[in-house]
């Protein structure tokens, strides 16, 4: 995660790119224990369509506060463009991009991997 976190300040706005000069192994971003739960659910933002297969690992992966803050500073609009969703003209970052958990309803929760 640290390799990615070091590069993110160079791509803080939509459309920016950075060259990756050292290999990043995506498998290192996943927990060693590959057990997980899965269920059919919905998007976390409007229109909240029921079109998502959620996968929740049983074992959490950890990020430092520093790494989390770097992710919080990502912007979902281009550099020089005003944020279309906030009166502070570009001060909004990718935060509060979620909704509270909803009741399970008739969803089926499946367990996979280690038990």
N, C-alpha and C. Protein backbone atom coordinates (compact mmCIF):
# COMPACT_ATOMS: atom_id res chain seq x y z
N UNK A 1 0.82 -1.19 0.00
CA UNK A 1 0.00 0.00 0.00
C UNK A 1 0.86 1.26 0.00
N UNK A 2 2.02 1.17 0.64
CA UNK A 2 2.89 2.35 0.74
C UNK A 2 3.37 2.80 -0.63
N UNK A 3 3.66 1.86 -1.54
CA UNK A 3 4.08 2.23 -2.89
C UNK A 3 3.00 3.07 -3.59
N UNK A 4 1.77 2.67 -3.43
CA UNK A 4 0.66 3.41 -4.04
C UNK A 4 0.46 4.75 -3.35
N UNK A 5 0.52 4.76 -2.03
CA UNK A 5 0.32 6.00 -1.27
C UNK A 5 1.37 7.05 -1.64
N UNK A 6 2.59 6.62 -1.91
CA UNK A 6 3.64 7.57 -2.30
C UNK A 6 3.36 8.23 -3.64
N UNK A 7 2.63 7.53 -4.52
CA UNK A 7 2.35 8.06 -5.85
C UNK A 7 1.08 8.92 -5.91
N UNK A 8 0.15 8.70 -5.00
CA UNK A 8 -1.14 9.38 -5.08
C UNK A 8 -1.07 10.90 -5.05
N UNK A 9 -0.15 11.53 -4.31
CA UNK A 9 -0.12 13.00 -4.35
C UNK A 9 0.12 13.57 -5.75
N UNK A 10 0.66 12.76 -6.66
CA UNK A 10 0.91 13.20 -8.03
C UNK A 10 -0.31 13.04 -8.93
N UNK A 11 -1.34 12.36 -8.42
CA UNK A 11 -2.58 12.16 -9.18
C UNK A 11 -3.78 12.50 -8.30
N UNK A 12 -3.75 13.66 -7.70
CA UNK A 12 -4.80 14.02 -6.76
C UNK A 12 -6.08 14.48 -7.43
N UNK A 13 -6.04 14.77 -8.73
CA UNK A 13 -7.24 15.19 -9.46
C UNK A 13 -7.56 14.21 -10.57
N UNK A 14 -8.81 14.18 -10.95
CA UNK A 14 -9.29 13.36 -12.06
C UNK A 14 -8.46 13.65 -13.31
N UNK A 15 -8.05 12.60 -14.02
CA UNK A 15 -7.36 12.75 -15.29
C UNK A 15 -5.84 12.82 -15.18
N UNK A 16 -5.29 12.96 -13.98
CA UNK A 16 -3.84 13.02 -13.83
C UNK A 16 -3.26 11.60 -13.82
N UNK A 17 -2.04 11.46 -14.33
CA UNK A 17 -1.38 10.16 -14.38
C UNK A 17 0.03 10.27 -13.83
N UNK A 18 0.58 9.15 -13.40
CA UNK A 18 1.95 9.09 -12.94
C UNK A 18 2.54 7.75 -13.40
N UNK A 19 3.81 7.75 -13.75
CA UNK A 19 4.47 6.52 -14.17
C UNK A 19 4.85 5.70 -12.93
N UNK A 20 4.53 4.42 -12.97
CA UNK A 20 4.90 3.51 -11.89
C UNK A 20 6.26 2.92 -12.25
N UNK A 21 7.27 3.22 -11.45
CA UNK A 21 8.64 2.79 -11.80
C UNK A 21 9.07 1.53 -11.08
N UNK A 22 8.39 1.16 -10.01
CA UNK A 22 8.72 -0.10 -9.33
C UNK A 22 7.49 -1.00 -9.34
N UNK A 23 7.69 -2.30 -9.47
CA UNK A 23 6.55 -3.22 -9.58
C UNK A 23 5.65 -3.16 -8.35
N UNK A 24 4.34 -3.30 -8.62
CA UNK A 24 3.34 -3.39 -7.55
C UNK A 24 2.61 -4.71 -7.75
N UNK A 25 2.65 -5.56 -6.73
CA UNK A 25 2.00 -6.86 -6.78
C UNK A 25 0.61 -6.72 -6.16
N UNK A 26 -0.46 -6.73 -6.97
CA UNK A 26 -1.81 -6.55 -6.42
C UNK A 26 -2.18 -7.57 -5.36
N UNK A 27 -1.60 -8.77 -5.41
CA UNK A 27 -1.94 -9.79 -4.41
C UNK A 27 -1.48 -9.38 -3.01
N UNK A 28 -0.52 -8.47 -2.93
CA UNK A 28 -0.04 -7.99 -1.63
C UNK A 28 -1.05 -7.04 -0.98
N UNK A 29 -2.06 -6.60 -1.73
CA UNK A 29 -3.09 -5.72 -1.20
C UNK A 29 -4.24 -6.50 -0.57
N UNK A 30 -4.20 -7.81 -0.68
CA UNK A 30 -5.25 -8.66 -0.14
C UNK A 30 -4.75 -9.40 1.10
N UNK A 31 -5.66 -9.76 1.99
CA UNK A 31 -5.23 -10.51 3.18
C UNK A 31 -4.72 -11.90 2.82
N UNK A 32 -3.83 -12.44 3.67
CA UNK A 32 -3.30 -13.79 3.44
C UNK A 32 -4.41 -14.83 3.52
N UNK A 33 -5.32 -14.66 4.47
CA UNK A 33 -6.47 -15.56 4.60
C UNK A 33 -7.51 -15.10 3.60
N UNK A 34 -7.83 -15.93 2.62
CA UNK A 34 -8.73 -15.49 1.55
C UNK A 34 -10.20 -15.78 1.80
N UNK A 35 -10.58 -16.07 3.04
CA UNK A 35 -11.99 -16.30 3.35
C UNK A 35 -12.77 -15.00 3.23
N UNK A 36 -14.01 -15.10 2.76
CA UNK A 36 -14.84 -13.90 2.60
C UNK A 36 -16.32 -14.23 2.66
N UNK A 37 -17.12 -13.19 2.82
CA UNK A 37 -18.57 -13.27 2.70
C UNK A 37 -18.95 -12.50 1.45
N UNK A 38 -20.05 -12.88 0.82
CA UNK A 38 -20.51 -12.16 -0.36
C UNK A 38 -22.03 -12.12 -0.38
N UNK A 39 -22.57 -11.07 -0.96
CA UNK A 39 -24.01 -10.95 -1.10
C UNK A 39 -24.32 -9.99 -2.24
N UNK A 40 -25.51 -10.13 -2.81
CA UNK A 40 -25.98 -9.21 -3.84
C UNK A 40 -26.56 -8.00 -3.13
N UNK A 41 -26.09 -6.81 -3.50
CA UNK A 41 -26.53 -5.59 -2.83
C UNK A 41 -26.72 -4.45 -3.79
N UNK A 42 -26.50 -3.24 -3.28
CA UNK A 42 -26.78 -2.06 -4.10
C UNK A 42 -25.62 -1.08 -4.05
N UNK A 43 -25.65 -0.12 -4.95
CA UNK A 43 -24.68 0.97 -4.95
C UNK A 43 -24.80 1.76 -3.64
N UNK A 44 -23.71 2.38 -3.21
CA UNK A 44 -23.73 3.15 -1.97
C UNK A 44 -24.09 4.61 -2.20
N UNK A 45 -24.26 4.99 -3.45
CA UNK A 45 -24.64 6.36 -3.78
C UNK A 45 -25.87 6.33 -4.68
N UNK A 46 -26.65 7.39 -4.68
CA UNK A 46 -27.84 7.42 -5.52
C UNK A 46 -27.48 7.12 -6.97
N UNK A 47 -28.26 6.34 -7.65
CA UNK A 47 -29.63 5.95 -7.35
C UNK A 47 -29.74 4.65 -6.54
N UNK A 48 -28.64 4.16 -5.95
CA UNK A 48 -28.65 2.97 -5.07
C UNK A 48 -29.20 1.73 -5.77
N UNK A 49 -28.88 1.58 -7.05
CA UNK A 49 -29.34 0.42 -7.82
C UNK A 49 -28.88 -0.88 -7.18
N UNK A 50 -29.75 -1.89 -7.22
CA UNK A 50 -29.44 -3.21 -6.70
C UNK A 50 -28.66 -3.98 -7.77
N UNK A 51 -27.40 -3.61 -7.97
CA UNK A 51 -26.64 -4.18 -9.08
C UNK A 51 -25.19 -4.50 -8.71
N UNK A 52 -24.92 -4.70 -7.43
CA UNK A 52 -23.55 -4.89 -6.96
C UNK A 52 -23.41 -6.23 -6.26
N UNK A 53 -22.33 -6.95 -6.55
CA UNK A 53 -21.97 -8.12 -5.77
C UNK A 53 -20.90 -7.67 -4.77
N UNK A 54 -21.25 -7.63 -3.51
CA UNK A 54 -20.31 -7.20 -2.47
C UNK A 54 -19.49 -8.37 -1.99
N UNK A 55 -18.20 -8.13 -1.76
CA UNK A 55 -17.28 -9.13 -1.23
C UNK A 55 -16.60 -8.52 -0.02
N UNK A 56 -16.73 -9.16 1.13
CA UNK A 56 -16.14 -8.67 2.37
C UNK A 56 -15.17 -9.72 2.90
N UNK A 57 -13.90 -9.38 2.94
CA UNK A 57 -12.91 -10.31 3.48
C UNK A 57 -13.11 -10.49 4.97
N UNK A 58 -12.91 -11.71 5.45
CA UNK A 58 -13.03 -11.98 6.88
C UNK A 58 -11.90 -11.33 7.65
N UNK A 59 -10.73 -11.28 7.04
CA UNK A 59 -9.58 -10.66 7.68
C UNK A 59 -9.38 -9.28 7.05
N UNK A 60 -9.32 -8.26 7.88
CA UNK A 60 -9.16 -6.89 7.38
C UNK A 60 -7.73 -6.65 6.91
N UNK A 61 -7.60 -5.75 5.94
CA UNK A 61 -6.27 -5.26 5.59
C UNK A 61 -6.12 -3.93 6.31
N UNK A 62 -4.90 -3.57 6.63
CA UNK A 62 -4.68 -2.35 7.40
C UNK A 62 -3.96 -1.31 6.57
N UNK A 63 -4.37 -0.06 6.77
CA UNK A 63 -3.67 1.08 6.20
C UNK A 63 -3.39 2.03 7.36
N UNK A 64 -2.30 2.78 7.24
CA UNK A 64 -1.95 3.73 8.30
C UNK A 64 -2.83 4.98 8.19
N UNK A 65 -2.86 5.78 9.23
CA UNK A 65 -3.60 7.05 9.19
C UNK A 65 -3.05 7.94 8.07
N UNK A 66 -1.74 7.92 7.90
CA UNK A 66 -1.10 8.72 6.85
C UNK A 66 -1.61 8.28 5.47
N UNK A 67 -1.65 6.97 5.22
CA UNK A 67 -2.12 6.46 3.93
C UNK A 67 -3.59 6.81 3.72
N UNK A 68 -4.40 6.67 4.76
CA UNK A 68 -5.82 6.99 4.66
C UNK A 68 -6.03 8.46 4.32
N UNK A 69 -5.25 9.34 4.93
CA UNK A 69 -5.36 10.77 4.65
C UNK A 69 -4.99 11.09 3.21
N UNK A 70 -4.03 10.36 2.65
CA UNK A 70 -3.67 10.57 1.24
C UNK A 70 -4.86 10.22 0.35
N UNK A 71 -5.54 9.11 0.64
CA UNK A 71 -6.72 8.72 -0.15
C UNK A 71 -7.84 9.75 0.02
N UNK A 72 -7.98 10.31 1.22
CA UNK A 72 -9.03 11.30 1.46
C UNK A 72 -8.81 12.58 0.65
N UNK A 73 -7.58 12.85 0.25
CA UNK A 73 -7.28 14.07 -0.49
C UNK A 73 -7.50 13.94 -1.99
N UNK A 74 -7.91 12.76 -2.46
CA UNK A 74 -8.20 12.59 -3.88
C UNK A 74 -9.42 13.42 -4.25
N UNK A 75 -9.37 14.03 -5.40
CA UNK A 75 -10.49 14.85 -5.87
C UNK A 75 -11.11 14.19 -7.10
N UNK A 76 -12.42 14.31 -7.21
CA UNK A 76 -13.11 13.64 -8.31
C UNK A 76 -13.40 14.60 -9.47
N UNK A 77 -12.64 15.66 -9.57
CA UNK A 77 -12.78 16.60 -10.67
C UNK A 77 -11.39 17.01 -11.14
N UNK A 78 -11.30 17.55 -12.34
CA UNK A 78 -10.01 17.88 -12.95
C UNK A 78 -9.38 19.10 -12.29
N UNK A 79 -8.05 19.17 -12.34
CA UNK A 79 -7.33 20.32 -11.82
C UNK A 79 -7.79 21.57 -12.57
N UNK A 80 -8.05 22.64 -11.85
CA UNK A 80 -8.51 23.88 -12.44
C UNK A 80 -10.02 23.95 -12.62
N UNK A 81 -10.69 22.83 -12.47
CA UNK A 81 -12.14 22.77 -12.59
C UNK A 81 -12.77 22.95 -11.22
N UNK A 82 -13.82 23.72 -11.13
CA UNK A 82 -14.51 23.86 -9.86
C UNK A 82 -15.31 22.60 -9.58
N UNK A 83 -15.34 22.23 -8.33
CA UNK A 83 -16.14 21.07 -7.95
C UNK A 83 -17.61 21.39 -8.26
N UNK A 84 -18.29 20.54 -9.00
CA UNK A 84 -19.68 20.83 -9.38
C UNK A 84 -20.67 20.61 -8.24
N UNK A 85 -20.20 20.12 -7.10
CA UNK A 85 -21.16 19.73 -6.06
C UNK A 85 -21.01 20.50 -4.76
N UNK A 86 -20.24 21.56 -4.74
CA UNK A 86 -20.01 22.22 -3.46
C UNK A 86 -19.78 23.71 -3.65
N UNK A 87 -20.29 24.48 -2.73
CA UNK A 87 -20.16 25.93 -2.85
C UNK A 87 -18.76 26.45 -2.52
N UNK A 88 -17.86 25.60 -2.02
CA UNK A 88 -16.50 26.04 -1.69
C UNK A 88 -15.57 26.00 -2.90
N UNK A 89 -16.09 25.82 -4.08
CA UNK A 89 -15.33 25.90 -5.32
C UNK A 89 -14.06 25.05 -5.31
N UNK A 90 -14.24 23.76 -5.27
CA UNK A 90 -13.09 22.86 -5.40
C UNK A 90 -12.54 22.35 -4.09
N UNK A 91 -13.10 22.75 -2.97
CA UNK A 91 -12.56 22.32 -1.69
C UNK A 91 -13.04 20.93 -1.30
N UNK A 92 -14.04 20.42 -1.96
CA UNK A 92 -14.58 19.11 -1.61
C UNK A 92 -13.65 18.01 -2.10
N UNK A 93 -13.40 17.04 -1.26
CA UNK A 93 -12.61 15.88 -1.62
C UNK A 93 -13.52 14.66 -1.65
N UNK A 94 -12.97 13.52 -2.02
CA UNK A 94 -13.76 12.30 -2.06
C UNK A 94 -13.96 11.83 -0.61
N UNK A 95 -14.96 12.37 0.01
CA UNK A 95 -15.31 12.00 1.39
C UNK A 95 -16.82 11.82 1.46
N UNK A 96 -17.28 11.18 2.51
CA UNK A 96 -18.71 10.92 2.69
C UNK A 96 -19.32 10.28 1.46
N UNK A 97 -18.55 9.42 0.79
CA UNK A 97 -19.01 8.73 -0.40
C UNK A 97 -19.61 7.38 0.01
N UNK A 98 -20.61 7.45 0.87
CA UNK A 98 -21.21 6.24 1.39
C UNK A 98 -22.59 6.57 1.94
N UNK A 99 -23.30 5.54 2.28
CA UNK A 99 -24.57 5.71 2.99
C UNK A 99 -24.54 4.75 4.17
N UNK A 100 -25.39 4.94 5.15
CA UNK A 100 -25.38 4.02 6.29
C UNK A 100 -25.82 2.63 5.88
N UNK A 101 -25.39 1.60 6.63
CA UNK A 101 -25.84 0.23 6.32
C UNK A 101 -27.37 0.15 6.33
N UNK A 102 -27.88 -0.66 5.45
CA UNK A 102 -29.32 -0.84 5.32
C UNK A 102 -29.70 -2.22 5.85
N UNK A 103 -30.96 -2.42 6.18
CA UNK A 103 -31.39 -3.75 6.64
C UNK A 103 -31.09 -4.83 5.60
N UNK A 104 -30.80 -6.03 6.06
CA UNK A 104 -30.47 -7.14 5.18
C UNK A 104 -31.63 -7.47 4.24
N UNK A 105 -32.83 -7.38 4.72
CA UNK A 105 -33.98 -7.70 3.88
C UNK A 105 -33.95 -9.17 3.48
N UNK A 106 -34.18 -9.46 2.21
CA UNK A 106 -34.21 -10.84 1.73
C UNK A 106 -32.89 -11.28 1.11
N UNK A 107 -31.81 -10.56 1.38
CA UNK A 107 -30.52 -10.91 0.80
C UNK A 107 -29.99 -12.20 1.41
N UNK A 108 -29.28 -12.95 0.57
CA UNK A 108 -28.62 -14.18 1.03
C UNK A 108 -27.14 -13.88 1.20
N UNK A 109 -26.63 -14.14 2.39
CA UNK A 109 -25.21 -13.94 2.69
C UNK A 109 -24.53 -15.28 2.52
N UNK A 110 -23.51 -15.35 1.65
CA UNK A 110 -22.78 -16.60 1.43
C UNK A 110 -21.38 -16.48 2.02
N UNK A 111 -20.90 -17.58 2.58
CA UNK A 111 -19.56 -17.62 3.16
C UNK A 111 -18.68 -18.47 2.26
N UNK A 112 -17.50 -17.98 1.96
CA UNK A 112 -16.59 -18.68 1.05
C UNK A 112 -15.19 -18.71 1.66
N UNK A 113 -14.41 -19.72 1.30
CA UNK A 113 -13.03 -19.79 1.78
C UNK A 113 -12.94 -20.38 3.17
N UNK A 114 -11.97 -19.92 3.93
CA UNK A 114 -11.71 -20.44 5.28
C UNK A 114 -12.91 -20.29 6.18
N UNK A 115 -13.18 -21.31 6.97
CA UNK A 115 -14.32 -21.28 7.88
C UNK A 115 -13.87 -21.34 9.31
